[in-house]
Amino acid sequence: MLVGHVGQDPEVKQLDGGRTLATFSLATSRKHKDSKTGEMKVDTQWHNMEAWGKNAETISQYVKKGQLLE
């Protein structure tokens, strides 16, 4: 399971055959203390997400850039 912030508004496409595809990026971050300096650091990873069918339709209606997805 990923928990993070949406990097861009989802791009939604209607494909041949009536299937719906939603794509968007999701940023996940991990905070940790640097062992050498004792400084708090944040590591961010970006994930390319896809959703199909009803999930894609729901995402297109409710998910926006900057939103936290849990």
Protein backbone atom coordinates (compact mmCIF):
# COMPACT_ATOMS: atom_id res chain seq x y z
CA MET A 1 0.00 0.00 0.00
CA LEU A 2 1.27 3.47 -0.87
CA VAL A 3 0.45 6.66 1.01
CA GLY A 4 1.49 9.90 -0.62
CA HIS A 5 0.64 13.11 -2.44
CA VAL A 6 -0.63 13.32 -6.01
CA GLY A 7 1.93 15.03 -8.26
CA GLN A 8 -0.42 16.06 -11.07
CA ASP A 9 -4.11 15.94 -11.89
CA PRO A 10 -4.95 12.47 -13.23
CA GLU A 11 -4.99 12.05 -17.00
CA VAL A 12 -8.10 10.10 -17.99
CA LYS A 13 -8.56 8.34 -21.33
CA GLN A 14 -11.47 6.45 -22.84
CA LEU A 15 -10.01 3.49 -24.72
CA ASP A 16 -11.44 1.38 -27.52
CA GLY A 17 -14.08 -0.93 -26.13
CA GLY A 18 -15.24 1.64 -23.58
CA ARG A 19 -12.60 0.98 -20.92
CA THR A 20 -11.40 3.95 -18.85
CA LEU A 21 -7.76 4.49 -17.86
CA ALA A 22 -6.53 7.05 -15.33
CA THR A 23 -2.80 7.74 -14.87
CA PHE A 24 -1.08 10.01 -12.35
CA SER A 25 2.10 10.29 -10.28
CA LEU A 26 2.26 9.76 -6.53
CA ALA A 27 5.08 10.99 -4.25
CA THR A 28 5.89 8.97 -1.14
CA SER A 29 8.31 10.32 1.47
CA ARG A 30 10.30 8.77 4.28
CA LYS A 31 11.85 10.81 7.09
CA HIS A 32 14.98 9.60 8.85
CA LYS A 33 17.89 10.89 10.88
CA ASP A 34 21.26 10.99 9.13
CA SER A 35 23.61 8.74 11.11
CA LYS A 36 26.66 10.97 10.54
CA THR A 37 25.24 14.47 11.08
CA GLY A 38 22.14 13.73 13.16
CA GLU A 39 20.14 15.88 10.72
CA MET A 40 16.59 14.92 9.76
CA LYS A 41 16.37 14.05 6.05
CA VAL A 42 13.47 13.33 3.74
CA ASP A 43 13.72 10.84 0.88
CA THR A 44 10.99 11.16 -1.76
CA GLN A 45 10.16 8.54 -4.37
CA TRP A 46 7.81 9.02 -7.33
CA HIS A 47 5.47 6.28 -8.50
CA ASN A 48 3.59 6.11 -11.82
CA MET A 49 0.06 4.96 -11.02
CA GLU A 50 -2.64 3.45 -13.24
CA ALA A 51 -6.29 2.75 -12.50
CA TRP A 52 -8.82 1.04 -14.76
CA GLY A 53 -12.59 0.93 -15.12
CA LYS A 54 -14.71 2.13 -12.18
CA ASN A 55 -11.60 2.99 -10.15
CA ALA A 56 -10.39 5.24 -12.97
CA GLU A 57 -13.78 6.98 -13.14
CA THR A 58 -13.77 7.58 -9.37
CA ILE A 59 -10.21 8.93 -9.50
CA SER A 60 -11.14 11.29 -12.33
CA GLN A 61 -13.92 12.79 -10.19
CA TYR A 62 -12.24 13.08 -6.80
CA VAL A 63 -8.43 13.06 -7.08
CA LYS A 64 -6.55 16.33 -7.64
CA LYS A 65 -2.93 17.53 -7.65
CA GLY A 66 -1.45 17.86 -4.14
CA GLN A 67 -4.09 15.67 -2.49
CA LEU A 68 -2.99 13.09 0.09
CA LEU A 69 -4.02 9.56 -0.86
CA GLU A 70 -4.14 7.01 1.94
